[in-house]
Amino acid sequence: MENTKETIVAKAYDLLKHTLPIIEGFPRSQKFTLGDRIQNHLSDLLEMLIEAYYLPAAEKRPALQKVNIKLEQLRYFFRLGFDRGHYNSIRYNEFAQRLDEIGRMVGGWIKSLK
């Protein structure tokens, strides 16, 4: 599980790092609303994944289920950013692929807890 934790946390960190400069390019009216929501949710995601690793085994599953909810919320926020024209379809697809990859890893982590 150590490798999975390191990998999933690294992917969440990379997504946050990659997204920050894009949010900075949002129009001022959206940078401090939608942009902040995306940034805060990505930061929460990273924190939640780190927490899940250190939780006792009995508490990991509920924590990871909350991570799945956070991922779903992020999918909608990224979609809204695309629908508002803040980035092109290539960038949106990149966000979607990264979120899906993290989601698959979280799903695998949950299954490994059975």
N, C-alpha and C. Protein backbone atom coordinates (compact mmCIF):
# COMPACT_ATOMS: atom_id res chain seq x y z
N MET A 1 0.82 -1.20 0.00
CA MET A 1 0.00 0.00 0.00
C MET A 1 0.86 1.26 0.00
N GLU A 2 2.08 1.15 0.48
CA GLU A 2 2.97 2.31 0.54
C GLU A 2 3.15 2.94 -0.84
N ASN A 3 3.39 2.12 -1.86
CA ASN A 3 3.59 2.66 -3.20
C ASN A 3 2.32 3.32 -3.72
N THR A 4 1.17 2.71 -3.44
CA THR A 4 -0.09 3.29 -3.89
C THR A 4 -0.32 4.64 -3.25
N LYS A 5 -0.06 4.73 -1.95
CA LYS A 5 -0.24 6.00 -1.23
C LYS A 5 0.66 7.06 -1.82
N GLU A 6 1.92 6.73 -2.01
CA GLU A 6 2.86 7.71 -2.56
C GLU A 6 2.44 8.13 -3.96
N THR A 7 2.00 7.18 -4.75
CA THR A 7 1.61 7.47 -6.12
C THR A 7 0.35 8.32 -6.17
N ILE A 8 -0.65 7.96 -5.40
CA ILE A 8 -1.92 8.69 -5.44
C ILE A 8 -1.75 10.10 -4.88
N VAL A 9 -0.98 10.24 -3.82
CA VAL A 9 -0.72 11.57 -3.26
C VAL A 9 0.07 12.40 -4.27
N ALA A 10 1.04 11.80 -4.92
CA ALA A 10 1.84 12.52 -5.93
C ALA A 10 0.95 12.98 -7.08
N LYS A 11 0.02 12.15 -7.50
CA LYS A 11 -0.87 12.53 -8.60
C LYS A 11 -1.80 13.68 -8.19
N ALA A 12 -2.29 13.63 -6.97
CA ALA A 12 -3.14 14.73 -6.48
C ALA A 12 -2.32 16.02 -6.37
N TYR A 13 -1.10 15.90 -5.88
CA TYR A 13 -0.21 17.06 -5.76
C TYR A 13 0.08 17.64 -7.15
N ASP A 14 0.40 16.77 -8.11
CA ASP A 14 0.70 17.24 -9.47
C ASP A 14 -0.51 17.93 -10.11
N LEU A 15 -1.70 17.40 -9.86
CA LEU A 15 -2.90 18.02 -10.41
C LEU A 15 -3.08 19.42 -9.82
N LEU A 16 -2.89 19.55 -8.52
CA LEU A 16 -2.99 20.86 -7.87
C LEU A 16 -1.94 21.82 -8.44
N LYS A 17 -0.71 21.35 -8.53
CA LYS A 17 0.39 22.18 -9.04
C LYS A 17 0.12 22.62 -10.49
N HIS A 18 -0.42 21.72 -11.29
CA HIS A 18 -0.70 21.99 -12.70
C HIS A 18 -1.88 22.96 -12.85
N THR A 19 -2.82 22.89 -11.93
CA THR A 19 -4.05 23.68 -12.04
C THR A 19 -3.88 25.12 -11.58
N LEU A 20 -3.01 25.36 -10.62
CA LEU A 20 -2.88 26.71 -10.05
C LEU A 20 -2.59 27.79 -11.09
N PRO A 21 -1.63 27.59 -12.01
CA PRO A 21 -1.39 28.65 -13.00
C PRO A 21 -2.57 28.86 -13.95
N ILE A 22 -3.34 27.82 -14.17
CA ILE A 22 -4.51 27.93 -15.05
C ILE A 22 -5.57 28.79 -14.37
N ILE A 23 -5.77 28.55 -13.08
CA ILE A 23 -6.74 29.34 -12.32
C ILE A 23 -6.33 30.82 -12.30
N GLU A 24 -5.03 31.06 -12.22
CA GLU A 24 -4.55 32.45 -12.23
C GLU A 24 -4.93 33.18 -13.51
N GLY A 25 -5.16 32.41 -14.58
CA GLY A 25 -5.56 33.01 -15.85
C GLY A 25 -7.06 33.22 -15.99
N PHE A 26 -7.83 32.79 -15.01
CA PHE A 26 -9.28 33.01 -15.05
C PHE A 26 -9.56 34.52 -14.99
N PRO A 27 -10.66 34.95 -15.57
CA PRO A 27 -11.05 36.36 -15.39
C PRO A 27 -11.24 36.66 -13.90
N ARG A 28 -10.98 37.89 -13.53
CA ARG A 28 -11.06 38.28 -12.12
C ARG A 28 -12.39 37.88 -11.47
N SER A 29 -13.47 38.02 -12.21
CA SER A 29 -14.78 37.70 -11.66
C SER A 29 -14.93 36.22 -11.32
N GLN A 30 -14.15 35.36 -11.96
CA GLN A 30 -14.24 33.92 -11.73
C GLN A 30 -13.08 33.38 -10.91
N LYS A 31 -11.97 34.10 -10.92
CA LYS A 31 -10.77 33.64 -10.21
C LYS A 31 -11.04 33.47 -8.72
N PHE A 32 -11.83 34.37 -8.17
CA PHE A 32 -12.06 34.36 -6.73
C PHE A 32 -13.37 33.68 -6.35
N THR A 33 -14.03 33.07 -7.31
CA THR A 33 -15.23 32.28 -7.02
C THR A 33 -14.97 30.85 -7.47
N LEU A 34 -15.16 30.58 -8.74
CA LEU A 34 -14.94 29.23 -9.26
C LEU A 34 -13.49 28.81 -9.09
N GLY A 35 -12.57 29.70 -9.37
CA GLY A 35 -11.15 29.37 -9.22
C GLY A 35 -10.80 28.98 -7.80
N ASP A 36 -11.30 29.73 -6.84
CA ASP A 36 -11.04 29.40 -5.43
C ASP A 36 -11.68 28.07 -5.04
N ARG A 37 -12.87 27.81 -5.56
CA ARG A 37 -13.54 26.54 -5.24
C ARG A 37 -12.70 25.36 -5.75
N ILE A 38 -12.22 25.47 -6.97
CA ILE A 38 -11.39 24.40 -7.54
C ILE A 38 -10.12 24.24 -6.72
N GLN A 39 -9.45 25.34 -6.46
CA GLN A 39 -8.19 25.28 -5.69
C GLN A 39 -8.43 24.70 -4.30
N ASN A 40 -9.47 25.13 -3.62
CA ASN A 40 -9.75 24.61 -2.28
C ASN A 40 -10.11 23.13 -2.30
N HIS A 41 -10.90 22.71 -3.28
CA HIS A 41 -11.27 21.30 -3.37
C HIS A 41 -10.04 20.44 -3.69
N LEU A 42 -9.15 20.93 -4.54
CA LEU A 42 -7.94 20.17 -4.84
C LEU A 42 -7.04 20.08 -3.61
N SER A 43 -6.94 21.16 -2.86
CA SER A 43 -6.16 21.14 -1.62
C SER A 43 -6.78 20.17 -0.62
N ASP A 44 -8.11 20.21 -0.51
CA ASP A 44 -8.81 19.27 0.37
C ASP A 44 -8.55 17.83 -0.04
N LEU A 45 -8.59 17.59 -1.35
CA LEU A 45 -8.35 16.24 -1.86
C LEU A 45 -6.98 15.74 -1.43
N LEU A 46 -5.97 16.55 -1.60
CA LEU A 46 -4.61 16.18 -1.21
C LEU A 46 -4.55 15.89 0.29
N GLU A 47 -5.14 16.76 1.09
CA GLU A 47 -5.14 16.56 2.54
C GLU A 47 -5.88 15.29 2.94
N MET A 48 -7.01 15.04 2.29
CA MET A 48 -7.82 13.86 2.62
C MET A 48 -7.08 12.56 2.29
N LEU A 49 -6.34 12.56 1.19
CA LEU A 49 -5.58 11.36 0.81
C LEU A 49 -4.45 11.10 1.80
N ILE A 50 -3.78 12.15 2.22
CA ILE A 50 -2.71 11.99 3.21
C ILE A 50 -3.29 11.48 4.52
N GLU A 51 -4.41 12.07 4.94
CA GLU A 51 -5.08 11.62 6.17
C GLU A 51 -5.47 10.16 6.10
N ALA A 52 -6.06 9.77 4.97
CA ALA A 52 -6.54 8.39 4.82
C ALA A 52 -5.41 7.39 5.02
N TYR A 53 -4.24 7.73 4.56
CA TYR A 53 -3.11 6.82 4.71
C TYR A 53 -2.79 6.56 6.18
N TYR A 54 -2.90 7.57 7.00
CA TYR A 54 -2.50 7.45 8.39
C TYR A 54 -3.63 7.03 9.33
N LEU A 55 -4.83 6.93 8.82
CA LEU A 55 -5.94 6.51 9.67
C LEU A 55 -5.85 5.02 10.00
N PRO A 56 -6.43 4.60 11.12
CA PRO A 56 -6.51 3.18 11.41
C PRO A 56 -7.33 2.48 10.32
N ALA A 57 -7.07 1.21 10.13
CA ALA A 57 -7.70 0.46 9.04
C ALA A 57 -9.22 0.59 9.04
N ALA A 58 -9.83 0.58 10.21
CA ALA A 58 -11.29 0.64 10.30
C ALA A 58 -11.85 1.97 9.81
N GLU A 59 -11.04 3.00 9.81
CA GLU A 59 -11.51 4.34 9.42
C GLU A 59 -11.14 4.72 7.99
N LYS A 60 -10.36 3.89 7.32
CA LYS A 60 -9.91 4.23 5.97
C LYS A 60 -11.05 4.24 4.96
N ARG A 61 -11.90 3.22 5.00
CA ARG A 61 -12.98 3.12 4.00
C ARG A 61 -13.89 4.36 4.00
N PRO A 62 -14.43 4.78 5.16
CA PRO A 62 -15.27 5.99 5.13
C PRO A 62 -14.51 7.23 4.64
N ALA A 63 -13.24 7.33 5.00
CA ALA A 63 -12.44 8.47 4.56
C ALA A 63 -12.27 8.45 3.04
N LEU A 64 -12.02 7.28 2.48
CA LEU A 64 -11.83 7.18 1.04
C LEU A 64 -13.14 7.38 0.29
N GLN A 65 -14.26 7.01 0.90
CA GLN A 65 -15.55 7.29 0.27
C GLN A 65 -15.79 8.80 0.20
N LYS A 66 -15.33 9.53 1.20
CA LYS A 66 -15.42 11.00 1.16
C LYS A 66 -14.50 11.57 0.07
N VAL A 67 -13.37 10.91 -0.13
CA VAL A 67 -12.47 11.32 -1.22
C VAL A 67 -13.20 11.18 -2.56
N ASN A 68 -13.94 10.08 -2.73
CA ASN A 68 -14.70 9.88 -3.97
C ASN A 68 -15.72 11.00 -4.18
N ILE A 69 -16.36 11.43 -3.12
CA ILE A 69 -17.32 12.53 -3.23
C ILE A 69 -16.59 13.81 -3.65
N LYS A 70 -15.45 14.07 -3.07
CA LYS A 70 -14.66 15.26 -3.41
C LYS A 70 -14.25 15.21 -4.89
N LEU A 71 -13.88 14.03 -5.37
CA LEU A 71 -13.52 13.88 -6.79
C LEU A 71 -14.71 14.20 -7.69
N GLU A 72 -15.88 13.74 -7.31
CA GLU A 72 -17.08 14.01 -8.12
C GLU A 72 -17.39 15.50 -8.14
N GLN A 73 -17.25 16.16 -7.01
CA GLN A 73 -17.46 17.61 -6.96
C GLN A 73 -16.47 18.32 -7.88
N LEU A 74 -15.23 17.88 -7.86
CA LEU A 74 -14.21 18.48 -8.73
C LEU A 74 -14.54 18.29 -10.20
N ARG A 75 -15.06 17.13 -10.55
CA ARG A 75 -15.44 16.90 -11.94
C ARG A 75 -16.43 17.97 -12.41
N TYR A 76 -17.38 18.29 -11.57
CA TYR A 76 -18.37 19.30 -11.93
C TYR A 76 -17.77 20.70 -11.98
N PHE A 77 -16.89 21.01 -11.07
CA PHE A 77 -16.26 22.33 -11.10
C PHE A 77 -15.39 22.50 -12.35
N PHE A 78 -14.64 21.46 -12.71
CA PHE A 78 -13.83 21.54 -13.92
C PHE A 78 -14.72 21.65 -15.16
N ARG A 79 -15.83 20.92 -15.15
CA ARG A 79 -16.76 21.00 -16.27
C ARG A 79 -17.34 22.41 -16.38
N LEU A 80 -17.67 23.01 -15.25
CA LEU A 80 -18.20 24.36 -15.26
C LEU A 80 -17.17 25.35 -15.81
N GLY A 81 -15.92 25.17 -15.43
CA GLY A 81 -14.86 26.02 -15.98
C GLY A 81 -14.76 25.90 -17.49
N PHE A 82 -14.91 24.69 -17.99
CA PHE A 82 -14.89 24.48 -19.44
C PHE A 82 -16.11 25.12 -20.09
N ASP A 83 -17.29 24.88 -19.50
CA ASP A 83 -18.51 25.45 -20.06
C ASP A 83 -18.49 26.97 -20.07
N ARG A 84 -17.78 27.56 -19.13
CA ARG A 84 -17.67 29.03 -19.06
C ARG A 84 -16.56 29.55 -19.98
N GLY A 85 -15.83 28.65 -20.64
CA GLY A 85 -14.81 29.05 -21.60
C GLY A 85 -13.48 29.44 -20.99
N HIS A 86 -13.20 28.95 -19.78
CA HIS A 86 -11.94 29.31 -19.12
C HIS A 86 -10.76 28.48 -19.61
N TYR A 87 -11.02 27.38 -20.29
CA TYR A 87 -9.97 26.58 -20.91
C TYR A 87 -10.60 25.77 -22.03
N ASN A 88 -9.75 25.27 -22.92
CA ASN A 88 -10.23 24.55 -24.10
C ASN A 88 -10.51 23.08 -23.78
N SER A 89 -11.03 22.38 -24.78
CA SER A 89 -11.42 20.98 -24.58
C SER A 89 -10.22 20.08 -24.31
N ILE A 90 -9.07 20.41 -24.86
CA ILE A 90 -7.87 19.60 -24.61
C ILE A 90 -7.50 19.66 -23.13
N ARG A 91 -7.50 20.85 -22.59
CA ARG A 91 -7.17 21.02 -21.17
C ARG A 91 -8.25 20.36 -20.30
N TYR A 92 -9.52 20.52 -20.66
CA TYR A 92 -10.61 19.90 -19.90
C TYR A 92 -10.46 18.38 -19.89
N ASN A 93 -10.15 17.81 -21.04
CA ASN A 93 -9.96 16.35 -21.12
C ASN A 93 -8.77 15.91 -20.27
N GLU A 94 -7.74 16.72 -20.21
CA GLU A 94 -6.60 16.40 -19.37
C GLU A 94 -7.02 16.38 -17.89
N PHE A 95 -7.78 17.38 -17.47
CA PHE A 95 -8.28 17.39 -16.09
C PHE A 95 -9.12 16.15 -15.82
N ALA A 96 -10.02 15.84 -16.75
CA ALA A 96 -10.92 14.69 -16.58
C ALA A 96 -10.12 13.39 -16.47
N GLN A 97 -9.11 13.23 -17.31
CA GLN A 97 -8.29 12.02 -17.26
C GLN A 97 -7.53 11.90 -15.95
N ARG A 98 -6.99 13.01 -15.48
CA ARG A 98 -6.26 12.98 -14.20
C ARG A 98 -7.19 12.63 -13.04
N LEU A 99 -8.38 13.23 -13.03
CA LEU A 99 -9.35 12.92 -11.97
C LEU A 99 -9.79 11.47 -12.05
N ASP A 100 -10.03 10.97 -13.26
CA ASP A 100 -10.43 9.57 -13.42
C ASP A 100 -9.34 8.63 -12.94
N GLU A 101 -8.10 8.95 -13.23
CA GLU A 101 -6.99 8.11 -12.79
C GLU A 101 -6.92 8.06 -11.26
N ILE A 102 -7.04 9.22 -10.64
CA ILE A 102 -7.03 9.26 -9.17
C ILE A 102 -8.23 8.48 -8.64
N GLY A 103 -9.38 8.64 -9.28
CA GLY A 103 -10.58 7.91 -8.87
C GLY A 103 -10.41 6.40 -8.95
N ARG A 104 -9.78 5.93 -10.02
CA ARG A 104 -9.53 4.48 -10.15
C ARG A 104 -8.60 4.00 -9.05
N MET A 105 -7.61 4.81 -8.74
CA MET A 105 -6.67 4.43 -7.68
C MET A 105 -7.36 4.39 -6.32
N VAL A 106 -8.23 5.35 -6.06
CA VAL A 106 -8.98 5.35 -4.81
C VAL A 106 -9.89 4.12 -4.76
N GLY A 107 -10.54 3.81 -5.87
CA GLY A 107 -11.38 2.62 -5.93
C GLY A 107 -10.59 1.35 -5.64
N GLY A 108 -9.40 1.25 -6.20
CA GLY A 108 -8.54 0.10 -5.92
C GLY A 108 -8.13 0.04 -4.47
N TRP A 109 -7.86 1.19 -3.88
CA TRP A 109 -7.48 1.26 -2.47
C TRP A 109 -8.65 0.78 -1.60
N ILE A 110 -9.86 1.21 -1.95
CA ILE A 110 -11.04 0.78 -1.19
C ILE A 110 -11.22 -0.73 -1.30
N LYS A 111 -11.08 -1.26 -2.51
CA LYS A 111 -11.23 -2.72 -2.70
C LYS A 111 -10.19 -3.50 -1.92
N SER A 112 -8.99 -2.94 -1.80
CA SER A 112 -7.93 -3.65 -1.09
C SER A 112 -8.20 -3.72 0.41
N LEU A 113 -9.13 -2.94 0.91
CA LEU A 113 -9.44 -2.92 2.33
C LEU A 113 -10.40 -4.04 2.74
N LYS A 114 -10.97 -4.75 1.79
CA LYS A 114 -11.92 -5.82 2.10
C LYS A 114 -11.23 -7.01 2.70
